[in-house]
């Protein structure tokens, strides 16, 4: 199963937030706006971290995280049968209270019919009463009826007739699955890579380490299917049984005398306490023994343990472990059986600034790995400051965190819609090759959209000359006038501020038809602008004319830059005003 929606209230900087999840979720935003708080809220739900009083939004005494899960497999449907909706989803809330306590509660589709409400189950334990109700075919045919049997019959009837029933969706009054505390892993395995981490911790023998989890899977397989392994376990059990004081209730006459003597001597020292010693030697868990005695060495020309390698290699090795786990998961999911297990096979990979210590090329490779990881059936959630971990074509995976003020708290902007189709999609994809660094726009305070390379070079250069340049603004070469509305669609959806710079393209040398086409494109730009987010500025008729020189057919950006840096160049008052307006 996978996270479908996420709802958070009163967690740190998050006052109230609801997010629709994707298989790959890339969380971005400026520092101190709440990216890490979103990750920590998810980790809190899964039991990976404990809440503290400082985690409560100021002035609140209760917080919660709601997660709705979809894509339940047959095993999940069996485990969480009580909570499954018509849409085959489940929704669970983890509530925490100021002072330290917490609890899980499930959302239940309670039937409008009284006889199908769980809280009324105790009223139907009388056989005659129960047999008069529609769910009676799901009851045992003989014997006294318990409340639990009534509840199970109610649930089975609901699942069989779910399309014909009406429901009220509400939070259950009792604990989730009747448990005071939900077992870790019941919703799936969580793999978390924090921003600052000693990679060697992933290779220790602790059950929580990534390597130990992977090795455990291998050891478990060997233990289950290897005959020699099974034989070794039997021999070990036989050996340790000789140390037992009793075997099947009968005194063990073959027990080593030395052990019995030690018991006797120690017991004598406790005579005054009317107590005696019993020594039992427990059979060692050979699986755990193997895992605890494993060590990992890395040979990159010099064979050392992982702790002695560079931070980049350490992080790469950890990520390699996670990728391998995901690949093995995909393989195991192809041949799965329904069991009585109470944990899900789902896996969630959570990364905090995974780009740390990695050079740009490695970061781009890492992004492709995350895409592959999300395609294995796992869910990948990461927060980053790197545009190399963003592919603008995957705009549905991008989540922008903003915190306007403390009262409103952290909010998320995302796009769930398909923005482009047909020729628009083709043009959008082609524009990537013109400007492969366009993903930077998501990190920008304001985006400056221009038609081509000359505008991209000249406009910031003039802004620097005038002293109005701002590093927080990102200038994007859209490749053509016709592509600007495509970017406006995206910026409008993510509520990113912008200014669109376009050429009038009414030069005297152009035909009237060409001018009409230019006007049509201009109108499309103007109609795409949302006034609360951006504005448009027109160049007459292009950047070269605004500068007052005739451009050449080749090397336009370089020659334009040469021109504005020459001693003879004089900036016109109209262009100066436009440059200042762009960066205001």
Protein backbone atom coordinates (compact mmCIF):
# COMPACT_ATOMS: atom_id res chain seq x y z
CA UNK A 1 0.00 0.00 0.00
CA UNK A 2 1.00 3.61 -0.49
CA UNK A 3 0.32 6.98 1.07
CA UNK A 4 -2.53 8.64 -0.85
CA UNK A 5 -3.14 11.74 1.27
CA UNK A 6 -1.42 13.27 4.25
CA UNK A 7 -3.07 15.62 6.72
CA UNK A 8 -1.14 17.32 9.53
CA UNK A 9 -2.31 19.64 12.31
CA UNK A 10 -0.27 21.52 14.91
CA UNK A 11 3.07 19.85 14.15
CA UNK A 12 5.86 22.40 14.64
CA UNK A 13 5.47 25.12 11.96
CA UNK A 14 2.54 23.30 10.34
CA UNK A 15 -0.75 24.63 11.66
CA UNK A 16 -2.98 22.77 9.24
CA UNK A 17 -1.97 21.06 6.02
CA UNK A 18 -3.34 18.51 3.57
CA UNK A 19 -1.21 16.99 0.80
CA UNK A 20 -1.93 14.57 -2.02
CA UNK A 21 0.96 12.12 -2.24
CA UNK A 22 2.82 10.77 -5.28
CA UNK A 23 5.12 7.78 -5.73
CA UNK A 24 7.97 10.31 -5.91
CA UNK A 25 7.65 13.40 -3.72
CA UNK A 26 10.28 16.14 -3.99
CA UNK A 27 9.88 18.75 -1.25
CA UNK A 28 11.60 22.09 -1.78
CA UNK A 29 11.53 25.53 -0.27
CA UNK A 30 13.64 28.14 1.42
CA UNK A 31 15.38 27.48 4.71
CA UNK A 32 13.23 27.55 7.84
CA UNK A 33 9.96 27.29 5.90
CA UNK A 34 9.04 23.77 7.10
CA UNK A 35 10.46 21.16 4.69
CA UNK A 36 12.02 19.07 7.45
CA UNK A 37 8.88 19.46 9.56
CA UNK A 38 6.87 17.70 6.87
CA UNK A 39 9.34 14.80 6.83
CA UNK A 40 9.41 14.57 10.62
CA UNK A 41 5.59 14.48 10.77
CA UNK A 42 5.65 11.42 8.50
CA UNK A 43 8.38 9.80 10.61
CA UNK A 44 6.33 10.50 13.74
CA UNK A 45 3.32 8.72 12.27
CA UNK A 46 5.37 5.62 11.43
CA UNK A 47 6.92 5.53 14.90
CA UNK A 48 10.43 6.36 13.70
CA UNK A 49 10.70 9.34 16.04
CA UNK A 50 9.02 10.25 19.33
CA UNK A 51 7.19 13.51 19.75
CA UNK A 52 8.30 16.08 22.30
CA UNK A 53 6.53 19.07 23.80
CA UNK A 54 8.49 21.37 21.46
CA UNK A 55 6.83 19.64 18.49
CA UNK A 56 3.46 21.22 19.31
CA UNK A 57 2.58 24.43 17.52
CA UNK A 58 2.67 27.31 19.96
CA UNK A 59 -0.35 27.37 22.24
CA UNK A 60 -1.67 23.91 21.27
CA UNK A 61 -1.99 20.81 23.44
CA UNK A 62 -2.92 18.26 20.77
CA UNK A 63 -1.54 17.40 17.37
CA UNK A 64 -2.26 14.72 14.82
CA UNK A 65 -1.12 13.20 11.56
CA UNK A 66 -3.71 11.56 9.32
CA UNK A 67 -2.53 9.26 6.54
CA UNK A 68 -4.83 7.72 3.96
CA UNK A 69 -3.42 4.61 2.29
CA UNK A 70 -4.39 3.27 -1.13
CA UNK A 71 -3.22 0.44 -3.42
CA UNK A 72 -3.74 -2.15 -0.72
CA UNK A 73 -2.64 -5.67 -1.64
CA UNK A 74 -4.67 -8.74 -0.66
CA UNK A 75 -2.68 -9.13 2.53
CA UNK A 76 -3.31 -5.50 3.52
CA UNK A 77 -7.02 -5.94 2.86
CA UNK A 78 -7.04 -8.92 5.20
CA UNK A 79 -5.06 -7.15 7.94
CA UNK A 80 -7.04 -3.90 7.85
CA UNK A 81 -10.40 -5.36 6.80
CA UNK A 82 -12.33 -3.37 9.38
CA UNK A 83 -11.15 -0.02 7.99
CA UNK A 84 -11.45 -0.50 4.23
CA UNK A 85 -13.64 2.04 2.44
CA UNK A 86 -15.66 1.68 -0.75
CA UNK A 87 -12.65 3.14 -2.56
CA UNK A 88 -10.48 0.38 -1.05
CA UNK A 89 -8.49 2.80 1.08
CA UNK A 90 -7.82 3.03 4.80
CA UNK A 91 -7.21 6.13 6.87
CA UNK A 92 -5.42 6.23 10.22
CA UNK A 93 -4.76 9.06 12.66
CA UNK A 94 -1.91 9.28 15.15
CA UNK A 95 -2.73 11.74 17.91
CA UNK A 96 -0.24 13.10 20.42
CA UNK A 97 -0.99 15.06 23.58
CA UNK A 98 1.11 17.61 25.39
CA UNK A 99 2.93 15.76 28.12
CA UNK A 100 3.94 12.67 26.14
CA UNK A 101 1.01 10.31 25.47
CA UNK A 102 -0.21 9.31 22.02
CA UNK A 103 -2.64 6.91 20.34
CA UNK A 104 -3.66 5.58 16.95
CA UNK A 105 -7.26 5.71 15.75
CA UNK A 106 -8.73 4.48 12.51
CA UNK A 107 -11.38 6.09 10.35
CA UNK A 108 -14.35 3.81 9.92
CA UNK A 109 -17.18 3.77 7.44
CA UNK A 110 -19.98 3.24 9.91
CA UNK A 111 -23.16 2.06 8.27
CA UNK A 112 -26.21 4.21 8.68
CA UNK A 113 -28.16 1.04 9.66
CA UNK A 114 -28.07 0.54 13.44
CA UNK A 115 -27.76 -3.26 13.21
CA UNK A 116 -24.41 -2.86 11.39
CA UNK A 117 -22.84 -0.42 13.86
CA UNK A 118 -20.06 -1.98 15.92
CA UNK A 119 -21.10 -0.18 19.09
CA UNK A 120 -24.45 -1.98 18.92
CA UNK A 121 -22.93 -5.46 18.49
CA UNK A 122 -23.50 -6.35 22.16
CA UNK A 123 -27.25 -6.02 21.65
CA UNK A 124 -27.37 -8.94 19.21
CA UNK A 125 -25.62 -11.78 21.07
CA UNK A 126 -28.99 -13.45 21.66
CA UNK A 127 -29.27 -16.21 19.03
CA UNK A 128 -32.90 -15.46 18.16
CA UNK A 129 -32.21 -11.76 17.74
CA UNK A 130 -29.06 -12.35 15.68
CA UNK A 131 -30.81 -14.85 13.35
CA UNK A 132 -33.42 -12.22 12.50
CA UNK A 133 -30.79 -9.84 11.11
CA UNK A 134 -29.33 -9.85 7.56
CA UNK A 135 -25.77 -10.67 8.72
CA UNK A 136 -26.82 -14.00 10.33
CA UNK A 137 -25.35 -16.18 7.48
CA UNK A 138 -21.89 -15.10 8.64
CA UNK A 139 -22.43 -16.32 12.24
CA UNK A 140 -21.45 -19.74 13.64
CA UNK A 141 -24.42 -22.08 13.31
CA UNK A 142 -24.16 -23.39 16.87
CA UNK A 143 -22.97 -22.31 20.29
CA UNK A 144 -23.24 -19.11 22.26
CA UNK A 145 -22.61 -15.91 20.37
CA UNK A 146 -19.98 -13.44 21.53
CA UNK A 147 -19.80 -9.76 20.80
CA UNK A 148 -16.65 -10.35 18.73
CA UNK A 149 -18.47 -12.89 16.55
CA UNK A 150 -21.22 -10.34 15.94
CA UNK A 151 -18.65 -7.72 14.97
CA UNK A 152 -16.94 -10.11 12.55
CA UNK A 153 -20.29 -11.00 10.98
CA UNK A 154 -21.15 -7.29 10.64
CA UNK A 155 -17.86 -6.64 8.88
CA UNK A 156 -18.23 -9.58 6.49
CA UNK A 157 -21.76 -8.54 5.60
CA UNK A 158 -20.61 -4.96 4.98
CA UNK A 159 -17.80 -6.07 2.68
CA UNK A 160 -20.17 -8.32 0.71
CA UNK A 161 -22.84 -5.64 0.32
CA UNK A 162 -20.73 -2.49 0.34
CA UNK A 163 -22.14 -1.12 -2.91
CA UNK A 164 -25.71 -1.18 -1.58
CA UNK A 165 -25.08 0.39 1.81
CA UNK A 166 -24.76 3.98 2.98
CA UNK A 167 -21.98 5.08 5.32
CA UNK A 168 -20.90 7.78 7.69
CA UNK A 169 -17.11 8.25 7.71
CA UNK A 170 -15.92 8.99 11.23
CA UNK A 171 -13.05 8.44 13.66
CA UNK A 172 -13.42 5.35 15.80
CA UNK A 173 -13.77 5.80 19.56
CA UNK A 174 -11.53 2.87 20.43
CA UNK A 175 -7.87 2.37 19.53
CA UNK A 176 -6.80 1.31 16.04
CA UNK A 177 -7.24 -2.47 15.63
CA UNK A 178 -8.04 -2.58 19.34
CA UNK A 179 -4.40 -2.00 20.27
CA UNK A 180 -3.04 0.59 22.68
CA UNK A 181 0.12 0.87 20.61
CA UNK A 182 0.53 -0.06 16.97
CA UNK A 183 3.47 -2.30 16.20
CA UNK A 184 6.30 -0.66 14.32
CA UNK A 185 6.19 -1.75 10.72
CA UNK A 186 2.48 -2.51 10.58
CA UNK A 187 2.10 0.02 7.77
CA UNK A 188 5.34 -1.02 6.09
CA UNK A 189 9.08 -0.60 6.45
CA UNK A 190 10.55 2.92 6.64
CA UNK A 191 14.09 3.69 5.52
CA UNK A 192 15.24 7.12 6.56
CA UNK A 193 18.45 8.85 5.49
CA UNK A 194 18.90 12.11 7.45
CA UNK A 195 20.92 15.05 6.20
CA UNK A 196 23.77 14.48 8.66
CA UNK A 197 24.57 10.86 9.28
CA UNK A 198 27.52 8.61 9.95
CA UNK A 199 27.33 6.10 7.10
CA UNK A 200 29.03 3.50 9.27
CA UNK A 201 25.80 3.32 11.29
CA UNK A 202 24.11 1.69 8.31
CA UNK A 203 26.50 -1.25 8.48
CA UNK A 204 26.39 -2.10 12.17
CA UNK A 205 24.67 -5.16 13.52
CA UNK A 206 21.72 -3.29 15.01
CA UNK A 207 18.36 -4.45 13.70
CA UNK A 208 17.56 -0.87 12.75
CA UNK A 209 20.52 -0.49 10.41
CA UNK A 210 19.91 -0.63 6.67
CA UNK A 211 22.58 -3.28 6.06
CA UNK A 212 21.28 -5.44 8.88
CA UNK A 213 17.79 -5.36 7.35
CA UNK A 214 19.20 -6.42 3.99
CA UNK A 215 21.45 -9.08 5.49
CA UNK A 216 18.54 -10.29 7.57
CA UNK A 217 16.56 -11.02 4.42
CA UNK A 218 19.45 -13.10 3.04
CA UNK A 219 19.96 -14.93 6.32
CA UNK A 220 16.25 -15.63 6.59
CA UNK A 221 16.24 -17.18 3.12
CA UNK A 222 19.26 -19.33 3.93
CA UNK A 223 17.73 -20.38 7.20
CA UNK A 224 14.51 -21.40 5.51
CA UNK A 225 15.79 -23.25 2.46
CA UNK A 226 19.40 -24.40 3.12
CA UNK A 227 19.53 -28.00 4.38
CA UNK A 228 23.00 -27.62 5.90
CA UNK A 229 21.81 -24.56 7.76
CA UNK A 230 18.77 -26.39 9.07
CA UNK A 231 21.00 -29.30 10.13
CA UNK A 232 23.35 -26.97 11.98
CA UNK A 233 20.41 -25.48 13.87
CA UNK A 234 19.19 -28.94 14.88
CA UNK A 235 22.64 -30.00 16.07
CA UNK A 236 22.97 -26.80 18.07
CA UNK A 237 19.57 -27.35 19.66
CA UNK A 238 20.52 -30.94 20.51
CA UNK A 239 23.80 -29.81 22.05
CA UNK A 240 22.23 -27.15 24.26
CA UNK A 241 19.43 -29.48 25.36
CA UNK A 242 22.11 -31.45 27.27
CA UNK A 243 22.61 -28.43 29.51
CA UNK A 244 18.95 -28.32 30.51
CA UNK A 245 17.98 -29.46 33.99
CA UNK A 246 14.85 -31.13 32.68
CA UNK A 247 13.89 -32.49 29.27
CA UNK A 248 10.15 -32.84 28.66
CA UNK A 249 9.58 -32.74 32.42
CA UNK A 250 12.09 -35.48 33.15
CA UNK A 251 15.33 -34.80 35.00
CA UNK A 252 18.28 -34.75 32.61
CA UNK A 253 20.79 -37.33 33.83
CA UNK A 254 23.31 -36.36 31.15
CA UNK A 255 23.61 -32.78 32.34
CA UNK A 256 27.27 -31.78 32.93
CA UNK A 257 28.25 -32.21 36.55
CA UNK A 258 30.15 -28.92 36.58
CA UNK A 259 26.95 -26.98 35.87
CA UNK A 260 25.01 -28.80 38.56
CA UNK A 261 27.83 -28.25 41.06
CA UNK A 262 27.84 -24.51 40.31
CA UNK A 263 24.09 -24.37 40.93
CA UNK A 264 24.52 -26.27 44.21
CA UNK A 265 27.35 -24.06 45.46
CA UNK A 266 25.49 -20.86 44.66
CA UNK A 267 22.31 -22.16 46.25
CA UNK A 268 24.17 -22.86 49.50
CA UNK A 269 25.03 -19.19 49.71
CA UNK A 270 21.32 -18.37 49.53
CA UNK A 271 20.10 -20.73 52.21
CA UNK A 272 19.28 -17.90 54.58
CA UNK A 273 17.04 -16.45 51.86
CA UNK A 274 15.25 -19.73 51.23
CA UNK A 275 16.17 -19.43 47.54
CA UNK A 276 18.11 -21.50 45.07
CA UNK A 277 19.80 -21.11 41.70
CA UNK A 278 18.65 -22.56 38.37
CA UNK A 279 20.99 -22.07 35.44
CA UNK A 280 19.68 -22.45 31.93
CA UNK A 281 21.86 -22.01 28.86
CA UNK A 282 19.68 -20.62 26.06
CA UNK A 283 20.14 -21.86 22.52
CA UNK A 284 21.85 -19.07 20.58
CA UNK A 285 19.99 -17.61 17.61
CA UNK A 286 22.34 -18.55 14.80
CA UNK A 287 20.68 -16.07 12.43
CA UNK A 288 21.31 -13.17 14.80
CA UNK A 289 24.80 -14.46 15.51
CA UNK A 290 25.70 -14.35 11.84
CA UNK A 291 24.35 -10.83 11.40
CA UNK A 292 26.12 -9.52 14.49
CA UNK A 293 29.47 -10.86 13.32
CA UNK A 294 29.33 -9.49 9.78
CA UNK A 295 31.65 -6.65 8.80
CA UNK A 296 31.73 -4.60 5.61
CA UNK A 297 34.85 -3.39 3.82
CA UNK A 298 35.06 -1.10 0.81
CA UNK A 299 37.90 -1.44 -1.69
CA UNK A 300 38.32 1.62 -3.91
CA UNK A 301 42.02 0.95 -4.35
CA UNK A 302 42.48 0.91 -0.61
CA UNK A 303 40.60 -1.66 1.45
CA UNK A 304 39.17 -0.06 4.59
CA UNK A 305 35.92 0.01 6.52
CA UNK A 306 33.24 2.45 5.35
CA UNK A 307 33.94 4.99 8.12
CA UNK A 308 37.37 5.71 6.61
CA UNK A 309 36.00 6.58 3.17
CA UNK A 310 35.00 10.03 1.92
CA UNK A 311 31.54 11.41 2.71
CA UNK A 312 30.49 11.17 -0.95
CA UNK A 313 31.32 7.46 -1.22
CA UNK A 314 29.72 6.80 2.18
CA UNK A 315 26.47 8.32 1.05
CA UNK A 316 26.62 6.56 -2.32
CA UNK A 317 27.08 3.19 -0.60
CA UNK A 318 24.11 3.79 1.70
CA UNK A 319 21.89 4.74 -1.23
CA UNK A 320 23.12 1.64 -3.12
CA UNK A 321 21.89 -0.47 -0.20
CA UNK A 322 18.48 1.12 -0.36
CA UNK A 323 18.24 0.65 -4.12
CA UNK A 324 19.08 -3.03 -3.78
CA UNK A 325 16.40 -3.45 -1.12
CA UNK A 326 13.86 -1.90 -3.45
CA UNK A 327 14.84 -4.18 -6.34
CA UNK A 328 14.52 -7.23 -4.12
CA UNK A 329 11.16 -6.00 -2.95
CA UNK A 330 9.94 -5.85 -6.54
CA UNK A 331 11.07 -9.42 -7.05
CA UNK A 332 9.43 -10.67 -3.86
CA UNK A 333 6.16 -8.91 -4.63
CA UNK A 334 5.80 -10.95 -7.80
CA UNK A 335 5.34 -14.13 -5.78
CA UNK A 336 3.65 -13.30 -2.50
CA UNK A 337 1.33 -15.31 -0.31
CA UNK A 338 -1.38 -14.20 2.07
CA UNK A 339 -0.38 -15.00 5.63
CA UNK A 340 -1.43 -14.10 9.14
CA UNK A 341 1.22 -11.41 9.34
CA UNK A 342 0.26 -8.08 10.90
CA UNK A 343 2.70 -5.90 8.98
CA UNK A 344 2.56 -4.55 5.46
CA UNK A 345 5.11 -5.29 2.75
CA UNK A 346 5.07 -1.61 1.76
CA UNK A 347 8.30 0.37 1.89
CA UNK A 348 8.83 4.10 2.25
CA UNK A 349 12.17 5.73 1.55
CA UNK A 350 12.64 9.14 3.14
CA UNK A 351 15.69 11.25 2.33
CA UNK A 352 16.75 14.57 3.84
CA UNK A 353 19.08 16.49 1.54
CA UNK A 354 20.45 13.38 -0.22
CA UNK A 355 22.59 15.62 -2.46
CA UNK A 356 25.02 16.33 0.40
CA UNK A 357 28.65 15.45 -0.44
CA UNK A 358 27.74 14.58 -4.04
CA UNK A 359 29.03 16.47 -7.09
CA UNK A 360 26.45 17.69 -9.69
CA UNK A 361 26.84 14.74 -12.05
CA UNK A 362 26.39 12.30 -9.17
CA UNK A 363 23.30 14.22 -8.07
CA UNK A 364 21.70 13.85 -11.49
CA UNK A 365 22.48 10.15 -11.47
CA UNK A 366 20.96 9.97 -8.00
CA UNK A 367 17.74 11.55 -9.27
CA UNK A 368 17.40 8.84 -11.91
CA UNK A 369 17.91 6.29 -9.14
CA UNK A 370 15.07 7.81 -7.13
CA UNK A 371 12.80 7.58 -10.16
CA UNK A 372 13.72 3.91 -10.58
CA UNK A 373 13.16 3.36 -6.86
CA UNK A 374 9.67 4.85 -7.03
CA UNK A 375 8.88 2.58 -9.98
CA UNK A 376 9.50 -0.57 -7.93
CA UNK A 377 6.33 -0.14 -5.92
CA UNK A 378 8.00 1.83 -3.14
CA UNK A 379 7.26 5.42 -2.21
CA UNK A 380 10.13 7.93 -2.22
CA UNK A 381 9.96 11.19 -0.27
CA UNK A 382 12.84 13.64 -0.20
CA UNK A 383 13.56 17.27 0.59
CA UNK A 384 16.35 19.02 -1.24
CA UNK A 385 18.04 22.32 -2.06
CA UNK A 386 19.42 21.04 -5.35
CA UNK A 387 17.85 21.69 -8.75
CA UNK A 388 19.73 18.60 -9.96
CA UNK A 389 17.23 16.49 -8.02
CA UNK A 390 14.31 18.05 -9.86
CA UNK A 391 13.05 17.23 -13.31
CA UNK A 392 10.58 19.91 -14.33
CA UNK A 393 8.80 17.41 -16.57
CA UNK A 394 7.81 15.62 -13.35
CA UNK A 395 6.05 18.70 -11.98
CA UNK A 396 3.43 16.58 -10.19
CA UNK A 397 6.22 15.28 -7.93
CA UNK A 398 7.21 18.78 -6.76
CA UNK A 399 5.97 20.21 -3.45
CA UNK A 400 6.90 23.80 -2.59
CA UNK A 401 6.84 24.63 1.13
CA UNK A 402 6.27 28.28 2.08
CA UNK A 403 5.72 29.96 5.41
CA UNK A 404 4.35 33.47 4.94
CA UNK A 405 4.02 34.12 8.68
CA UNK A 406 3.82 32.31 12.02
CA UNK A 407 0.03 32.64 12.26
CA UNK A 408 -0.67 30.78 9.02
CA UNK A 409 2.29 28.43 9.32
CA UNK A 410 3.83 26.26 6.62
CA UNK A 411 1.76 25.61 3.50
CA UNK A 412 2.42 23.46 0.45
CA UNK A 413 1.79 24.23 -3.19
CA UNK A 414 1.55 21.30 -5.57
CA UNK A 415 0.11 20.54 -9.01
CA UNK A 416 -2.16 17.53 -9.46
CA UNK A 417 -3.39 18.46 -12.94
CA UNK A 418 -2.05 17.61 -16.38
CA UNK A 419 -0.94 21.03 -17.61
CA UNK A 420 0.05 20.16 -21.15
CA UNK A 421 -1.24 17.98 -23.95
CA UNK A 422 -0.59 17.48 -27.65
CA UNK A 423 1.75 20.04 -29.22
CA UNK A 424 2.09 21.84 -25.89
CA UNK A 425 3.64 18.75 -24.33
CA UNK A 426 6.05 18.36 -27.25
CA UNK A 427 7.09 22.01 -27.06
CA UNK A 428 7.49 21.77 -23.32
CA UNK A 429 9.78 18.75 -23.63
CA UNK A 430 11.83 20.38 -26.39
CA UNK A 431 12.36 23.53 -24.36
CA UNK A 432 14.27 21.45 -21.82
CA UNK A 433 17.10 21.04 -24.29
CA UNK A 434 17.22 24.80 -24.77
CA UNK A 435 17.40 25.46 -21.05
CA UNK A 436 18.30 22.34 -19.02
CA UNK A 437 18.70 24.39 -15.82
CA UNK A 438 15.08 25.57 -15.88
CA UNK A 439 14.31 23.55 -12.71
CA UNK A 440 15.88 26.42 -10.77
CA UNK A 441 12.63 28.35 -11.16
CA UNK A 442 11.11 26.40 -8.27
CA UNK A 443 13.67 27.90 -5.88
CA UNK A 444 13.25 31.46 -7.12
CA UNK A 445 11.74 34.42 -5.33
CA UNK A 446 10.66 35.67 -8.76
CA UNK A 447 11.06 34.14 -12.21
CA UNK A 448 11.99 36.27 -15.21
CA UNK A 449 10.78 34.68 -18.46
CA UNK A 450 12.48 35.75 -21.68
CA UNK A 451 12.30 34.62 -25.29
CA UNK A 452 15.91 33.76 -25.97
CA UNK A 453 19.57 33.61 -25.05
CA UNK A 454 20.34 37.29 -25.80
CA UNK A 455 17.65 38.49 -23.38
CA UNK A 456 18.92 36.05 -20.73
CA UNK A 457 22.45 37.49 -20.99
CA UNK A 458 21.74 41.18 -21.44
CA UNK A 459 18.94 41.83 -18.93
CA UNK A 460 20.82 40.67 -15.78
CA UNK A 461 24.00 42.36 -17.04
CA UNK A 462 22.16 45.70 -17.32
CA UNK A 463 20.58 45.12 -13.90
CA UNK A 464 24.05 44.74 -12.39
CA UNK A 465 25.19 47.97 -14.06
CA UNK A 466 22.18 49.75 -12.53
CA UNK A 467 22.69 48.13 -9.11
CA UNK A 468 19.25 46.50 -9.04
CA UNK A 469 20.24 42.88 -9.72
CA UNK A 470 18.89 40.28 -7.28
CA UNK A 471 20.32 36.79 -6.90
CA UNK A 472 16.95 35.54 -5.68
CA UNK A 473 15.47 36.09 -9.15
CA UNK A 474 15.93 33.39 -11.77
CA UNK A 475 15.92 34.19 -15.49
CA UNK A 476 14.61 31.43 -17.78
CA UNK A 477 15.23 31.21 -21.52
CA UNK A 478 11.89 29.88 -22.82
CA UNK A 479 13.27 29.28 -26.30
CA UNK A 480 10.60 31.26 -28.09
CA UNK A 481 7.75 33.66 -27.57
CA UNK A 482 5.26 30.86 -28.06
CA UNK A 483 6.68 28.87 -25.13
CA UNK A 484 6.21 31.63 -22.55
CA UNK A 485 2.52 30.71 -21.89
CA UNK A 486 3.64 27.13 -21.09
CA UNK A 487 5.83 28.42 -18.27
CA UNK A 488 3.09 30.76 -17.12
CA UNK A 489 0.78 27.77 -16.69
CA UNK A 490 3.30 26.13 -14.40
CA UNK A 491 4.12 29.26 -12.41
CA UNK A 492 0.45 30.08 -11.91
CA UNK A 493 -0.21 26.58 -10.60
CA UNK A 494 2.63 26.75 -8.08
CA UNK A 495 1.89 30.37 -7.12
CA UNK A 496 5.41 31.54 -8.02
CA UNK A 497 5.86 35.25 -8.77
CA UNK A 498 7.10 36.17 -12.23
CA UNK A 499 7.57 38.77 -14.95
CA UNK A 500 7.24 37.84 -18.62
CA UNK A 501 9.47 39.74 -21.07
CA UNK A 502 8.37 39.55 -24.69
CA UNK A 503 9.23 41.22 -27.99
CA UNK A 504 6.62 43.26 -29.82
CA UNK A 505 8.01 41.89 -33.12
CA UNK A 506 6.51 44.63 -35.26
CA UNK A 507 9.68 45.55 -37.13
CA UNK A 508 9.17 47.48 -40.36
CA UNK A 509 10.81 44.71 -42.40
CA UNK A 510 8.12 42.21 -41.34
CA UNK A 511 4.97 41.55 -43.30
CA UNK A 512 1.52 42.26 -41.92
CA UNK A 513 0.89 38.53 -41.56
CA UNK A 514 4.01 38.17 -39.43
CA UNK A 515 2.90 41.11 -37.31
CA UNK A 516 -0.53 39.54 -36.86
CA UNK A 517 1.08 36.28 -35.70
CA UNK A 518 3.23 38.24 -33.23
CA UNK A 519 0.17 40.06 -31.90
CA UNK A 520 -1.66 36.76 -31.47
CA UNK A 521 1.25 35.34 -29.44
CA UNK A 522 1.38 38.54 -27.37
CA UNK A 523 -2.31 38.28 -26.55
CA UNK A 524 -1.84 34.66 -25.47
CA UNK A 525 0.89 35.75 -23.04
CA UNK A 526 -1.21 38.60 -21.66
CA UNK A 527 -4.27 36.38 -21.20
CA UNK A 528 -2.17 33.81 -19.28
CA UNK A 529 -0.94 36.25 -16.65
CA UNK A 530 -2.51 36.24 -13.19
CA UNK A 531 -2.20 39.78 -11.92
CA UNK A 532 -1.61 38.83 -8.29
CA UNK A 533 1.43 36.76 -9.34
CA UNK A 534 3.04 38.54 -12.26
CA UNK A 535 3.20 41.10 -15.00
CA UNK A 536 4.36 41.47 -18.59
CA UNK A 537 6.89 43.90 -20.04
CA UNK A 538 7.16 44.48 -23.78
CA UNK A 539 10.38 45.20 -25.64
CA UNK A 540 10.11 47.40 -28.74
CA UNK A 541 10.58 45.54 -31.02
CA UNK A 542 13.24 43.28 -29.55
CA UNK A 543 16.18 43.59 -27.17
CA UNK A 544 18.52 44.74 -29.95
CA UNK A 545 16.26 47.62 -30.93
CA UNK A 546 15.88 48.60 -27.26
CA UNK A 547 19.68 48.69 -27.02
CA UNK A 548 19.97 50.73 -30.20
CA UNK A 549 22.14 48.52 -32.34
CA UNK A 550 21.75 46.14 -35.27
CA UNK A 551 22.37 42.51 -34.38
CA UNK A 552 24.36 40.07 -36.42
CA UNK A 553 23.11 36.66 -37.52
CA UNK A 554 25.61 34.75 -35.38
CA UNK A 555 26.98 35.13 -31.88
CA UNK A 556 24.12 37.41 -30.89
CA UNK A 557 24.35 37.02 -27.06
CA UNK A 558 28.13 37.53 -26.97
CA UNK A 559 28.08 40.55 -29.30
CA UNK A 560 25.21 42.14 -27.40
CA UNK A 561 27.17 41.74 -24.17
CA UNK A 562 30.20 43.30 -25.81
CA UNK A 563 28.11 46.22 -26.94
CA UNK A 564 26.62 47.09 -23.53
CA UNK A 565 30.05 46.88 -21.89
CA UNK A 566 31.67 49.23 -24.42
CA UNK A 567 32.53 52.83 -23.52
CA UNK A 568 30.22 54.16 -26.24
CA UNK A 569 27.07 52.42 -24.97
CA UNK A 570 24.40 54.61 -23.43
CA UNK A 571 21.37 53.06 -21.77
CA UNK A 572 18.10 54.69 -22.84
CA UNK A 573 15.77 55.97 -20.13
CA UNK A 574 12.92 53.74 -21.37
CA UNK A 575 15.00 50.54 -21.17
CA UNK A 576 16.43 51.59 -17.80
CA UNK A 577 12.90 51.96 -16.49
CA UNK A 578 11.99 48.50 -17.79
CA UNK A 579 15.06 46.87 -16.20
CA UNK A 580 14.27 48.47 -12.84
CA UNK A 581 10.66 47.34 -13.13
CA UNK A 582 11.75 43.76 -13.86
CA UNK A 583 13.83 43.59 -10.66
CA UNK A 584 11.67 45.68 -8.38
